Amino acid sequence: MSKSSLTQIIVPADEGNYTKGRSGRSIEAITIHHMAGRLTAKQCGRIFQAKGRYGSSHYGVGYDGSIANYVDEEDTAWTNSNWDSNCKSVTIETSDDNSSWYVNDTTLNALIKLVADIAKRRNLGKLVPGKNLTWHSMFTNTACPGDYLRSKMQYIADEANKINNESTSNEVNVYYRVKTQKHGWLKEVKNLEDYAGWENSPIIGLAIRVDKGGIKYRVTTISGKTLGWITDCDIDNYMSGWAGNGDPISLVECYYYTPDNIRPYQYAYYRVNGYPYQKDLIKAKGFDGYAGVPKKPITTFSMYIGK
């Protein structure tokens, strides 16, 4: 199943009103429609549940700002009156406010958030009206989505792009590498693109850095010795550039410092040997404040920064 996390209610369309799959096509655009009626998202969905309707949409945004999902994004909704466009688009029905094709601000703002979410998840890049942000009347002779929404397409694109650009600017990348008994220093890993470690060889050194904010980390060896905090990342600096003293490591502690220009606060999530992730140094709600088991060597390490 693939749908936006902004979905508040699911109203499944009848299986005779859409096509399973996308005929081998990938999602390339978002298409805006107008319900031609003042409906909630749930009410709109009931229309697509009628057998023999031969029409549907992936989403609907009601006059109250409610968001409903009708067809899974991995399937083809019958919305655009054009098969090629249907196969490569995620479609959204938008509620009228007063029977004049007008869309109120509550509905419009919810629509913008939904458009931004789809664009980000589907890697559509910068939204450009007429290219990857389209509307019904581009594909057939129809008044939909009305003059008001057509006049707002650049605004919708700009506001959605702004949401996604702000989100991107708040992303924090963490880079880490480990030194094992058997292999020495291994290649650096970014976020969760891989894990650090190889062939179950005990890890004897750890180096971590972030591209925004700050990080501190320390380790405890299998002998029970806890070493000092490290805030640098330099494998050539034995004194303060990485954590470890040559003995196998059993415990790791990490803490992320969120910079003033990033909110909400971010945290270091890290784990070893496939155990559950730990969150900073928190000791509550299932977190231990450290990753690992005392006196048991760690052989893998992975980490990311998140909310």
Protein backbone atom coordinates (compact mmCIF):
# COMPACT_ATOMS: atom_id res chain seq x y z
CA MET A 1 0.00 0.00 0.00
CA SER A 2 1.26 3.46 -0.88
CA LYS A 3 -0.47 6.61 0.27
CA SER A 4 0.28 9.95 1.89
CA SER A 5 0.75 10.09 5.66
CA LEU A 6 -1.56 13.13 5.50
CA THR A 7 -4.48 10.81 4.73
CA GLN A 8 -7.16 11.11 7.40
CA ILE A 9 -9.63 8.59 6.04
CA ILE A 10 -9.57 5.80 3.46
CA VAL A 11 -12.64 5.35 1.25
CA PRO A 12 -11.70 2.54 -1.16
CA ALA A 13 -13.00 2.98 -4.67
CA ASP A 14 -14.86 0.06 -6.25
CA GLU A 15 -12.41 -2.22 -8.07
CA GLY A 16 -14.34 -1.64 -11.29
CA ASN A 17 -13.51 2.06 -11.19
CA TYR A 18 -9.71 1.91 -11.46
CA THR A 19 -6.91 -0.30 -12.82
CA LYS A 20 -4.50 -2.33 -10.72
CA GLY A 21 -0.89 -1.30 -11.32
CA ARG A 22 0.35 1.40 -13.69
CA SER A 23 0.99 -0.58 -16.88
CA GLY A 24 4.73 -0.39 -16.27
CA ARG A 25 4.76 3.40 -16.02
CA SER A 26 6.29 5.46 -13.23
CA ILE A 27 4.70 8.46 -11.50
CA GLU A 28 5.76 11.68 -13.22
CA ALA A 29 3.11 14.25 -12.30
CA ILE A 30 0.30 15.38 -10.01
CA THR A 31 -3.03 16.35 -11.58
CA ILE A 32 -5.50 18.72 -9.89
CA HIS A 33 -9.27 18.32 -10.31
CA HIS A 34 -12.40 20.00 -8.94
CA MET A 35 -15.32 18.07 -7.44
CA ALA A 36 -17.88 20.52 -8.89
CA GLY A 37 -19.63 20.26 -5.57
CA ARG A 38 -19.24 21.27 -1.93
CA LEU A 39 -18.25 17.93 -0.39
CA THR A 40 -16.15 16.50 2.37
CA ALA A 41 -13.37 14.16 1.27
CA LYS A 42 -15.41 11.22 2.59
CA GLN A 43 -18.50 12.23 0.63
CA CYS A 44 -16.48 12.47 -2.57
CA GLY A 45 -15.08 9.00 -1.96
CA ARG A 46 -18.53 7.46 -1.75
CA ILE A 47 -19.12 8.51 -5.37
CA PHE A 48 -16.22 6.30 -6.49
CA GLN A 49 -17.58 3.36 -4.50
CA ALA A 50 -20.59 3.13 -6.80
CA LYS A 51 -20.37 0.21 -9.24
CA GLY A 52 -20.39 1.30 -12.85
CA ARG A 53 -19.10 4.77 -12.08
CA TYR A 54 -16.02 4.12 -14.24
CA GLY A 55 -14.16 6.95 -12.59
CA SER A 56 -12.01 7.55 -9.52
CA SER A 57 -9.19 9.60 -8.03
CA HIS A 58 -6.26 8.86 -5.78
CA TYR A 59 -7.17 11.57 -3.27
CA GLY A 60 -9.80 14.10 -2.38
CA VAL A 61 -9.59 17.29 -0.31
CA GLY A 62 -12.88 18.38 1.26
CA TYR A 63 -14.22 21.90 1.84
CA ASP A 64 -13.24 21.39 5.51
CA GLY A 65 -9.63 20.53 4.62
CA SER A 66 -10.12 16.81 5.17
CA ILE A 67 -7.95 14.49 3.07
CA ALA A 68 -9.10 11.05 1.93
CA ASN A 69 -7.44 8.33 -0.12
CA TYR A 70 -9.55 6.41 -2.63
CA VAL A 71 -7.05 4.56 -4.85
CA ASP A 72 -3.57 3.38 -3.88
CA GLU A 73 -0.82 5.39 -5.55
CA GLU A 74 0.60 2.21 -7.07
CA ASP A 75 -2.65 1.76 -9.02
CA THR A 76 -4.13 3.80 -11.88
CA ALA A 77 -7.11 6.00 -11.02
CA TRP A 78 -9.48 6.86 -13.87
CA THR A 79 -9.49 10.63 -13.49
CA ASN A 80 -7.78 12.53 -16.31
CA SER A 81 -9.85 11.38 -19.33
CA ASN A 82 -6.52 10.37 -20.86
CA TRP A 83 -4.99 6.92 -20.42
CA ASP A 84 -1.35 8.01 -20.79
CA SER A 85 -1.82 10.78 -18.24
CA ASN A 86 -3.73 8.48 -15.86
CA CYS A 87 -0.88 5.95 -15.89
CA LYS A 88 1.77 8.48 -14.83
CA SER A 89 -0.20 10.80 -12.52
CA VAL A 90 -1.35 11.00 -8.92
CA THR A 91 -4.75 12.71 -9.04
CA ILE A 92 -6.50 14.92 -6.48
CA GLU A 93 -10.15 16.00 -6.39
CA THR A 94 -10.68 19.39 -4.69
CA SER A 95 -13.94 20.61 -3.16
CA ASP A 96 -15.95 23.59 -4.27
CA ASP A 97 -16.84 26.14 -1.58
CA ASN A 98 -19.87 27.95 -2.96
CA SER A 99 -20.89 26.38 -6.29
CA SER A 100 -18.76 28.79 -8.31
CA TRP A 101 -15.58 26.67 -8.70
CA TYR A 102 -14.06 28.72 -5.88
CA VAL A 103 -11.84 26.89 -3.36
CA ASN A 104 -11.59 28.26 0.17
CA ASP A 105 -8.25 28.80 1.90
CA THR A 106 -8.65 25.81 4.25
CA THR A 107 -9.07 23.48 1.29
CA LEU A 108 -6.32 25.18 -0.72
CA ASN A 109 -3.78 24.95 2.11
CA ALA A 110 -4.55 21.26 2.65
CA LEU A 111 -4.18 20.70 -1.10
CA ILE A 112 -0.77 22.40 -1.10
CA LYS A 113 0.49 20.21 1.74
CA LEU A 114 -0.73 17.08 -0.02
CA VAL A 115 0.89 18.15 -3.30
CA ALA A 116 4.19 18.81 -1.49
CA ASP A 117 4.09 15.43 0.21
CA ILE A 118 3.43 13.53 -3.03
CA ALA A 119 6.12 15.48 -4.89
CA LYS A 120 8.71 14.74 -2.22
CA ARG A 121 7.93 11.04 -1.85
CA ARG A 122 7.79 10.51 -5.61
CA ASN A 123 10.98 12.49 -6.29
CA LEU A 124 9.25 14.80 -8.74
CA GLY A 125 11.76 17.58 -8.10
CA LYS A 126 10.77 21.22 -8.44
CA LEU A 127 7.09 21.49 -9.32
CA VAL A 128 6.40 23.37 -12.55
CA PRO A 129 2.81 24.07 -13.67
CA GLY A 130 2.05 22.37 -16.97
CA LYS A 131 4.86 19.88 -16.58
CA ASN A 132 4.81 17.85 -13.37
CA LEU A 133 1.91 19.81 -11.86
CA THR A 134 -1.02 19.47 -14.23
CA TRP A 135 -4.80 19.96 -14.30
CA HIS A 136 -7.74 18.17 -15.88
CA SER A 137 -8.47 20.56 -18.76
CA MET A 138 -4.94 19.98 -20.10
CA PHE A 139 -6.05 16.53 -21.29
CA THR A 140 -9.67 16.92 -22.38
CA ASN A 141 -12.33 19.52 -23.18
CA THR A 142 -13.65 20.29 -19.68
CA ALA A 143 -14.13 23.25 -17.37
CA CYS A 144 -12.42 21.29 -14.56
CA PRO A 145 -10.70 22.41 -12.38
CA GLY A 146 -12.19 25.86 -12.99
CA ASP A 147 -10.69 29.31 -13.50
CA TYR A 148 -9.92 29.83 -9.82
CA LEU A 149 -7.74 26.75 -9.38
CA ARG A 150 -6.09 27.26 -12.78
CA SER A 151 -5.17 30.78 -11.66
CA LYS A 152 -3.62 29.31 -8.50
CA MET A 153 -1.36 26.69 -10.12
CA GLN A 154 1.82 28.75 -9.87
CA TYR A 155 0.98 29.62 -6.27
CA ILE A 156 0.35 25.94 -5.44
CA ALA A 157 3.67 25.00 -7.03
CA ASP A 158 5.58 27.78 -5.25
CA GLU A 159 4.14 26.99 -1.83
CA ALA A 160 4.66 23.23 -2.21
CA ASN A 161 8.24 23.78 -3.39
CA LYS A 162 8.80 26.05 -0.41
CA ILE A 163 7.61 23.31 1.97
CA ASN A 164 9.93 20.77 0.40
CA ASN A 165 12.91 23.14 0.26
CA GLU A 166 12.52 23.95 3.96
CA SER A 167 12.27 20.24 4.72
CA THR A 168 15.42 19.55 2.73
CA SER A 169 17.32 22.33 4.52
CA ASN A 170 16.51 20.69 7.86
CA GLU A 171 17.85 17.29 6.88
CA VAL A 172 21.01 16.32 8.73
CA ASN A 173 23.44 13.80 7.29
CA VAL A 174 25.66 11.71 9.54
CA TYR A 175 28.82 9.98 8.34
CA TYR A 176 30.58 7.24 10.28
CA ARG A 177 33.26 4.60 9.94
CA VAL A 178 34.65 1.86 12.11
CA LYS A 179 37.97 0.15 12.67
CA THR A 180 37.83 -3.62 13.07
CA GLN A 181 40.38 -6.04 14.50
CA LYS A 182 40.69 -7.84 11.18
CA HIS A 183 40.39 -5.10 8.57
CA GLY A 184 41.47 -1.80 10.12
CA TRP A 185 39.50 1.28 9.09
CA LEU A 186 36.59 0.55 6.76
CA LYS A 187 34.97 2.96 4.29
CA GLU A 188 32.76 5.76 5.56
CA VAL A 189 28.99 5.18 5.61
CA LYS A 190 26.31 7.88 5.13
CA ASN A 191 23.08 7.66 7.16
CA LEU A 192 21.47 4.25 6.60
CA GLU A 193 22.84 3.69 3.10
CA ASP A 194 24.74 0.75 4.60
CA TYR A 195 26.05 -0.32 7.98
CA ALA A 196 29.60 -0.14 9.31
CA GLY A 197 31.31 -3.46 10.04
CA TRP A 198 32.55 -6.53 8.19
CA GLU A 199 32.71 -10.29 8.61
CA ASN A 200 31.71 -10.16 12.30
CA SER A 201 35.11 -8.77 13.22
CA PRO A 202 35.05 -6.91 16.58
CA ILE A 203 34.99 -3.13 16.22
CA ILE A 204 37.87 -1.39 17.99
CA GLY A 205 37.43 2.18 16.76
CA LEU A 206 34.58 4.54 15.81
CA ALA A 207 34.58 7.94 14.09
CA ILE A 208 31.42 10.04 13.51
CA ARG A 209 30.69 13.43 11.91
CA VAL A 210 27.58 15.41 10.89
CA ASP A 211 27.06 18.08 8.23
CA LYS A 212 24.90 20.29 10.47
CA GLY A 213 24.99 20.84 14.21
CA GLY A 214 27.34 18.82 16.40
CA ILE A 215 27.85 15.31 17.69
CA LYS A 216 29.56 13.81 20.71
CA TYR A 217 30.17 10.12 21.24
CA ARG A 218 32.06 7.73 23.45
CA VAL A 219 32.59 3.99 23.84
CA THR A 220 33.07 1.40 26.55
CA THR A 221 35.38 -1.56 25.89
CA ILE A 222 34.67 -5.20 26.75
CA SER A 223 36.87 -4.79 29.82
CA GLY A 224 34.36 -2.23 31.16
CA LYS A 225 36.52 0.84 30.58
CA THR A 226 34.54 3.90 29.46
CA LEU A 227 36.63 6.29 27.37
CA GLY A 228 36.26 10.05 27.09
CA TRP A 229 33.77 11.94 24.92
CA ILE A 230 34.83 12.65 21.33
CA THR A 231 33.51 15.61 19.30
CA ASP A 232 35.91 15.39 16.33
CA CYS A 233 36.20 12.94 13.43
CA ASP A 234 39.79 12.38 12.33
CA ILE A 235 41.14 8.84 12.13
CA ASP A 236 44.69 10.21 12.01
CA ASN A 237 44.24 11.87 15.40
CA TYR A 238 44.59 9.02 17.91
CA MET A 239 44.19 11.32 20.92
CA SER A 240 40.84 12.98 20.14
CA GLY A 241 39.76 12.24 16.57
CA TRP A 242 37.95 8.95 17.16
CA ALA A 243 36.65 6.73 19.95
CA GLY A 244 38.52 3.61 20.96
CA ASN A 245 41.82 2.37 22.38
CA GLY A 246 42.44 -0.77 20.36
CA ASP A 247 40.33 -3.08 22.53
CA PRO A 248 36.99 -4.45 21.31
CA ILE A 249 34.09 -2.07 21.97
CA SER A 250 30.95 -3.29 23.73
CA LEU A 251 28.92 -0.08 24.30
CA VAL A 252 28.38 3.13 22.30
CA GLU A 253 26.81 6.42 23.45
CA CYS A 254 25.92 9.29 21.08
CA TYR A 255 24.35 12.71 21.48
CA TYR A 256 23.36 15.16 18.72
CA TYR A 257 23.40 18.95 19.19
CA THR A 258 20.66 20.59 17.09
CA PRO A 259 21.72 23.99 15.66
CA ASP A 260 19.54 27.06 16.30
CA ASN A 261 18.35 27.23 12.67
CA ILE A 262 16.82 23.72 12.72
CA ARG A 263 13.55 23.00 14.47
CA PRO A 264 12.06 20.77 15.69
CA TYR A 265 14.99 19.32 17.64
CA GLN A 266 16.76 16.36 16.07
CA TYR A 267 18.25 13.30 17.78
CA ALA A 268 20.94 10.71 17.18
CA TYR A 269 19.45 7.28 16.52
CA TYR A 270 22.04 4.51 16.62
CA ARG A 271 22.32 0.78 17.11
CA VAL A 272 24.82 -2.08 17.14
CA ASN A 273 24.62 -5.77 16.22
CA GLY A 274 21.05 -5.36 14.99
CA TYR A 275 19.69 -4.44 18.45
CA PRO A 276 16.93 -1.80 18.74
CA TYR A 277 17.86 1.81 18.00
CA GLN A 278 18.80 4.10 20.87
CA LYS A 279 17.90 7.81 20.93
CA ASP A 280 20.62 10.18 22.13
CA LEU A 281 21.29 9.41 25.81
CA ILE A 282 17.63 8.97 26.71
CA LYS A 283 16.89 6.37 29.37
CA ALA A 284 13.11 6.00 29.17
CA LYS A 285 10.32 4.67 26.98
CA GLY A 286 12.28 1.61 25.87
CA PHE A 287 15.62 3.38 25.46
CA ASP A 288 18.72 2.41 27.46
CA GLY A 289 20.87 5.48 26.84
CA TYR A 290 23.52 3.36 25.11
CA ALA A 291 23.74 0.74 22.37
CA GLY A 292 25.20 -2.68 23.06
CA VAL A 293 25.56 -5.31 25.77
CA PRO A 294 28.28 -5.01 28.45
CA LYS A 295 31.34 -7.15 27.73
CA LYS A 296 30.00 -8.34 24.37
CA PRO A 297 31.96 -7.09 21.31
CA ILE A 298 30.07 -5.09 18.73
CA THR A 299 30.55 -6.04 15.08
CA THR A 300 28.14 -3.69 13.29
CA PHE A 301 27.11 -0.06 13.78
CA SER A 302 24.47 2.08 12.05
CA MET A 303 23.14 5.57 12.70
CA TYR A 304 20.94 8.40 11.47
CA ILE A 305 19.76 11.83 12.69
CA GLY A 306 16.01 12.34 12.95
CA LYS A 307 13.09 13.82 14.86
